[in-house]
């Protein structure tokens, strides 16, 4: 099974790394990625708390919502960071930072 997205879709922006490692993608998180991650997490904690008021399980509901929010926020930030490295999203700052490593 071919899981390489670049074989079926051509990137619109310069490719910094066609197949970035996990550590490189996480190290490439921008301030906006961290902001999105924390915002999604905070909203999920709030929704979890509010949805647990009526049945009286605010604590467990809030923790569950927080875990879902942290995981969802991380996956969203990871997708954006990897997309910039692979050239699928605008990546001017990555091109400037990794200009000597362009493939």
N, C-alpha and C. Protein backbone atom coordinates (compact mmCIF):
# COMPACT_ATOMS: atom_id res chain seq x y z
N UNK A 1 0.84 -1.18 0.00
CA UNK A 1 0.00 0.00 0.00
C UNK A 1 0.88 1.24 0.00
N UNK A 2 0.64 2.12 -0.94
CA UNK A 2 1.43 3.34 -1.05
C UNK A 2 0.81 4.43 -0.20
N UNK A 3 1.53 4.90 0.80
CA UNK A 3 1.01 5.95 1.68
C UNK A 3 1.68 7.30 1.41
N UNK A 4 2.47 7.40 0.37
CA UNK A 4 3.16 8.64 0.05
C UNK A 4 2.20 9.56 -0.71
N UNK A 5 1.74 10.62 -0.02
CA UNK A 5 0.77 11.53 -0.63
C UNK A 5 1.36 12.27 -1.82
N UNK A 6 2.68 12.46 -1.81
CA UNK A 6 3.30 13.23 -2.89
C UNK A 6 3.28 12.48 -4.21
N UNK A 7 2.98 11.19 -4.20
CA UNK A 7 2.92 10.46 -5.47
C UNK A 7 1.63 10.74 -6.23
N UNK A 8 0.58 11.19 -5.54
CA UNK A 8 -0.69 11.43 -6.21
C UNK A 8 -1.03 12.92 -6.32
N UNK A 9 -0.51 13.74 -5.44
CA UNK A 9 -0.81 15.17 -5.44
C UNK A 9 0.51 15.94 -5.47
N UNK A 10 0.61 16.89 -6.37
CA UNK A 10 1.83 17.68 -6.48
C UNK A 10 1.72 18.91 -5.59
N UNK A 11 2.75 19.20 -4.81
CA UNK A 11 2.72 20.37 -3.92
C UNK A 11 2.73 21.68 -4.71
N UNK A 12 2.07 22.67 -4.15
CA UNK A 12 1.99 23.98 -4.79
C UNK A 12 3.13 24.91 -4.37
N UNK A 13 3.79 24.60 -3.28
CA UNK A 13 4.83 25.44 -2.73
C UNK A 13 6.16 24.67 -2.72
N UNK A 14 7.28 25.35 -2.48
CA UNK A 14 8.57 24.64 -2.46
C UNK A 14 8.58 23.53 -1.40
N UNK A 15 9.14 22.40 -1.75
CA UNK A 15 9.22 21.26 -0.84
C UNK A 15 10.49 21.40 0.00
N UNK A 16 10.32 21.43 1.32
CA UNK A 16 11.46 21.48 2.23
C UNK A 16 11.91 20.06 2.55
N UNK A 17 10.96 19.19 2.85
CA UNK A 17 11.25 17.80 3.17
C UNK A 17 10.07 16.96 2.70
N UNK A 18 10.32 16.07 1.76
CA UNK A 18 9.24 15.28 1.17
C UNK A 18 8.63 14.30 2.18
N UNK A 19 9.43 13.79 3.08
CA UNK A 19 8.96 12.81 4.07
C UNK A 19 9.57 13.15 5.44
N UNK A 20 9.06 14.19 6.12
CA UNK A 20 9.68 14.65 7.36
C UNK A 20 9.47 13.67 8.52
N UNK A 21 10.46 13.58 9.37
CA UNK A 21 10.37 12.74 10.57
C UNK A 21 9.48 13.41 11.60
N UNK A 22 8.98 12.61 12.55
CA UNK A 22 8.09 13.11 13.60
C UNK A 22 8.74 14.27 14.35
N UNK A 23 10.00 14.10 14.74
CA UNK A 23 10.69 15.14 15.53
C UNK A 23 10.86 16.43 14.73
N UNK A 24 11.08 16.30 13.42
CA UNK A 24 11.23 17.50 12.60
C UNK A 24 9.91 18.24 12.48
N UNK A 25 8.81 17.50 12.33
CA UNK A 25 7.49 18.12 12.21
C UNK A 25 7.12 18.84 13.51
N UNK A 26 7.33 18.17 14.65
CA UNK A 26 7.00 18.79 15.93
C UNK A 26 7.93 19.98 16.19
N UNK A 27 9.19 19.87 15.83
CA UNK A 27 10.12 20.99 15.99
C UNK A 27 9.79 22.16 15.09
N UNK A 28 9.01 21.94 14.06
CA UNK A 28 8.63 22.98 13.12
C UNK A 28 7.32 23.67 13.50
N UNK A 29 6.71 23.31 14.62
CA UNK A 29 5.47 23.97 15.05
C UNK A 29 5.71 25.47 15.16
N UNK A 30 4.80 26.25 14.62
CA UNK A 30 4.89 27.71 14.72
C UNK A 30 4.08 28.19 15.92
N UNK A 31 4.18 29.48 16.20
CA UNK A 31 3.39 30.05 17.29
C UNK A 31 1.90 29.88 17.02
N UNK A 32 1.50 29.98 15.77
CA UNK A 32 0.10 29.79 15.41
C UNK A 32 -0.34 28.35 15.67
N UNK A 33 0.54 27.39 15.40
CA UNK A 33 0.22 25.99 15.69
C UNK A 33 -0.01 25.78 17.18
N UNK A 34 0.88 26.35 18.00
CA UNK A 34 0.71 26.22 19.46
C UNK A 34 -0.54 26.94 19.94
N UNK A 35 -0.85 28.08 19.32
CA UNK A 35 -2.07 28.81 19.68
C UNK A 35 -3.30 27.98 19.35
N UNK A 36 -3.32 27.37 18.17
CA UNK A 36 -4.46 26.53 17.78
C UNK A 36 -4.60 25.33 18.72
N UNK A 37 -3.48 24.70 19.04
CA UNK A 37 -3.50 23.54 19.93
C UNK A 37 -4.08 23.93 21.29
N UNK A 38 -3.61 25.03 21.86
CA UNK A 38 -4.10 25.44 23.18
C UNK A 38 -5.56 25.92 23.12
N UNK A 39 -5.97 26.56 22.04
CA UNK A 39 -7.35 27.01 21.91
C UNK A 39 -8.31 25.82 21.80
N UNK A 40 -7.96 24.86 20.97
CA UNK A 40 -8.80 23.66 20.82
C UNK A 40 -8.89 22.92 22.15
N UNK A 41 -7.77 22.85 22.87
CA UNK A 41 -7.76 22.18 24.17
C UNK A 41 -8.64 22.91 25.18
N UNK A 42 -8.51 24.22 25.23
CA UNK A 42 -9.30 25.00 26.18
C UNK A 42 -10.79 24.91 25.89
N UNK A 43 -11.15 24.99 24.64
CA UNK A 43 -12.57 24.88 24.27
C UNK A 43 -13.10 23.50 24.64
N UNK A 44 -12.31 22.46 24.41
CA UNK A 44 -12.74 21.10 24.72
C UNK A 44 -12.91 20.87 26.21
N UNK A 45 -12.02 21.44 27.02
CA UNK A 45 -12.16 21.33 28.47
C UNK A 45 -13.45 22.02 28.92
N UNK A 46 -13.72 23.19 28.38
CA UNK A 46 -14.93 23.93 28.73
C UNK A 46 -16.18 23.16 28.32
N UNK A 47 -16.19 22.64 27.11
CA UNK A 47 -17.35 21.87 26.64
C UNK A 47 -17.53 20.62 27.49
N UNK A 48 -16.43 19.96 27.84
CA UNK A 48 -16.51 18.78 28.70
C UNK A 48 -17.09 19.11 30.06
N UNK A 49 -16.65 20.22 30.63
CA UNK A 49 -17.17 20.64 31.94
C UNK A 49 -18.67 20.94 31.85
N UNK A 50 -19.04 21.72 30.85
CA UNK A 50 -20.45 22.11 30.72
C UNK A 50 -21.35 20.93 30.40
N UNK A 51 -20.86 19.97 29.64
CA UNK A 51 -21.69 18.82 29.32
C UNK A 51 -21.82 17.85 30.49
N UNK A 52 -20.97 17.97 31.49
CA UNK A 52 -21.05 17.10 32.65
C UNK A 52 -21.82 17.68 33.81
N UNK A 53 -22.35 18.89 33.68
CA UNK A 53 -23.06 19.53 34.79
C UNK A 53 -24.35 18.79 35.13
N UNK A 54 -25.17 18.53 34.15
CA UNK A 54 -26.48 17.93 34.40
C UNK A 54 -26.38 16.53 35.02
N UNK A 55 -25.57 15.61 34.46
CA UNK A 55 -25.52 14.29 35.11
C UNK A 55 -24.65 14.27 36.37
N UNK A 56 -23.97 15.37 36.69
CA UNK A 56 -23.16 15.43 37.90
C UNK A 56 -21.80 14.77 37.77
N UNK A 57 -21.25 14.74 36.59
CA UNK A 57 -19.92 14.16 36.38
C UNK A 57 -18.99 15.19 35.73
N UNK A 58 -18.96 16.38 36.30
CA UNK A 58 -18.17 17.46 35.71
C UNK A 58 -16.70 17.12 35.60
N UNK A 59 -16.12 16.55 36.64
CA UNK A 59 -14.68 16.26 36.64
C UNK A 59 -14.27 15.28 35.56
N UNK A 60 -14.84 14.07 35.56
CA UNK A 60 -14.46 13.11 34.51
C UNK A 60 -14.79 13.59 33.11
N UNK A 61 -15.89 14.30 32.97
CA UNK A 61 -16.27 14.81 31.66
C UNK A 61 -15.29 15.88 31.19
N UNK A 62 -14.84 16.72 32.11
CA UNK A 62 -13.88 17.76 31.77
C UNK A 62 -12.53 17.15 31.38
N UNK A 63 -12.08 16.13 32.10
CA UNK A 63 -10.81 15.48 31.77
C UNK A 63 -10.90 14.80 30.41
N UNK A 64 -12.00 14.12 30.16
CA UNK A 64 -12.18 13.46 28.87
C UNK A 64 -12.20 14.47 27.73
N UNK A 65 -12.93 15.55 27.92
CA UNK A 65 -12.95 16.61 26.91
C UNK A 65 -11.57 17.21 26.70
N UNK A 66 -10.83 17.38 27.78
CA UNK A 66 -9.47 17.92 27.68
C UNK A 66 -8.54 16.99 26.91
N UNK A 67 -8.64 15.70 27.20
CA UNK A 67 -7.80 14.74 26.47
C UNK A 67 -8.13 14.73 24.98
N UNK A 68 -9.41 14.74 24.67
CA UNK A 68 -9.82 14.78 23.27
C UNK A 68 -9.32 16.07 22.61
N UNK A 69 -9.41 17.18 23.32
CA UNK A 69 -8.96 18.46 22.78
C UNK A 69 -7.46 18.52 22.57
N UNK A 70 -6.69 17.99 23.51
CA UNK A 70 -5.23 18.00 23.37
C UNK A 70 -4.82 17.13 22.18
N UNK A 71 -5.41 15.95 22.08
CA UNK A 71 -5.06 15.07 20.96
C UNK A 71 -5.50 15.67 19.62
N UNK A 72 -6.71 16.20 19.58
CA UNK A 72 -7.20 16.82 18.35
C UNK A 72 -6.38 18.05 17.97
N UNK A 73 -6.06 18.88 18.95
CA UNK A 73 -5.24 20.06 18.69
C UNK A 73 -3.85 19.70 18.21
N UNK A 74 -3.27 18.67 18.82
CA UNK A 74 -1.94 18.23 18.39
C UNK A 74 -1.97 17.70 16.96
N UNK A 75 -3.00 16.91 16.65
CA UNK A 75 -3.09 16.37 15.29
C UNK A 75 -3.28 17.49 14.26
N UNK A 76 -4.06 18.51 14.61
CA UNK A 76 -4.27 19.64 13.70
C UNK A 76 -2.97 20.41 13.49
N UNK A 77 -2.25 20.68 14.59
CA UNK A 77 -0.97 21.39 14.48
C UNK A 77 0.04 20.56 13.70
N UNK A 78 0.07 19.26 13.93
CA UNK A 78 0.99 18.37 13.22
C UNK A 78 0.69 18.37 11.73
N UNK A 79 -0.59 18.31 11.38
CA UNK A 79 -0.99 18.32 9.97
C UNK A 79 -0.53 19.61 9.29
N UNK A 80 -0.71 20.74 9.95
CA UNK A 80 -0.30 22.02 9.37
C UNK A 80 1.21 22.11 9.22
N UNK A 81 1.94 21.68 10.24
CA UNK A 81 3.39 21.73 10.21
C UNK A 81 3.95 20.81 9.13
N UNK A 82 3.45 19.59 9.05
CA UNK A 82 3.92 18.65 8.03
C UNK A 82 3.54 19.15 6.63
N UNK A 83 2.36 19.73 6.51
CA UNK A 83 1.94 20.26 5.21
C UNK A 83 2.84 21.39 4.73
N UNK A 84 3.29 22.23 5.65
CA UNK A 84 4.22 23.29 5.26
C UNK A 84 5.57 22.71 4.84
N UNK A 85 6.06 21.71 5.56
CA UNK A 85 7.34 21.11 5.19
C UNK A 85 7.27 20.39 3.85
N UNK A 86 6.14 19.77 3.57
CA UNK A 86 6.00 19.01 2.33
C UNK A 86 5.53 19.87 1.15
N UNK A 87 5.27 21.16 1.40
CA UNK A 87 4.93 22.08 0.32
C UNK A 87 3.46 22.16 -0.03
N UNK A 88 2.60 21.69 0.83
CA UNK A 88 1.16 21.73 0.54
C UNK A 88 0.48 22.97 1.11
N UNK A 89 1.13 23.66 2.04
CA UNK A 89 0.61 24.90 2.61
C UNK A 89 1.67 25.98 2.43
N UNK A 90 1.28 27.26 2.48
CA UNK A 90 2.27 28.33 2.35
C UNK A 90 3.40 28.16 3.38
N UNK A 91 4.65 28.26 2.90
CA UNK A 91 5.77 27.93 3.78
C UNK A 91 6.98 28.85 3.60
N UNK A 92 6.74 30.15 3.52
CA UNK A 92 7.85 31.08 3.32
C UNK A 92 8.89 30.99 4.43
N UNK A 93 8.44 30.90 5.69
CA UNK A 93 9.40 30.87 6.80
C UNK A 93 10.21 29.58 6.81
N UNK A 94 9.59 28.45 6.43
CA UNK A 94 10.32 27.19 6.39
C UNK A 94 11.35 27.20 5.26
N UNK A 95 10.99 27.77 4.12
CA UNK A 95 11.93 27.84 3.00
C UNK A 95 13.13 28.69 3.39
N UNK A 96 12.87 29.81 4.08
CA UNK A 96 13.98 30.66 4.51
C UNK A 96 14.86 29.96 5.55
N UNK A 97 14.25 29.20 6.44
CA UNK A 97 15.00 28.52 7.51
C UNK A 97 15.79 27.34 6.99
N UNK A 98 15.22 26.59 6.04
CA UNK A 98 15.87 25.37 5.55
C UNK A 98 16.35 25.53 4.10
N UNK A 99 16.69 26.73 3.69
CA UNK A 99 16.99 26.98 2.27
C UNK A 99 18.15 26.14 1.75
N UNK A 100 19.08 25.76 2.60
CA UNK A 100 20.21 24.94 2.14
C UNK A 100 19.87 23.46 2.08
N UNK A 101 18.68 23.07 2.56
CA UNK A 101 18.28 21.66 2.56
C UNK A 101 17.19 21.34 1.54
N UNK A 102 16.80 22.29 0.73
CA UNK A 102 15.71 22.06 -0.22
C UNK A 102 16.06 20.91 -1.15
N UNK A 103 15.04 20.08 -1.42
CA UNK A 103 15.26 18.92 -2.29
C UNK A 103 14.94 19.24 -3.72
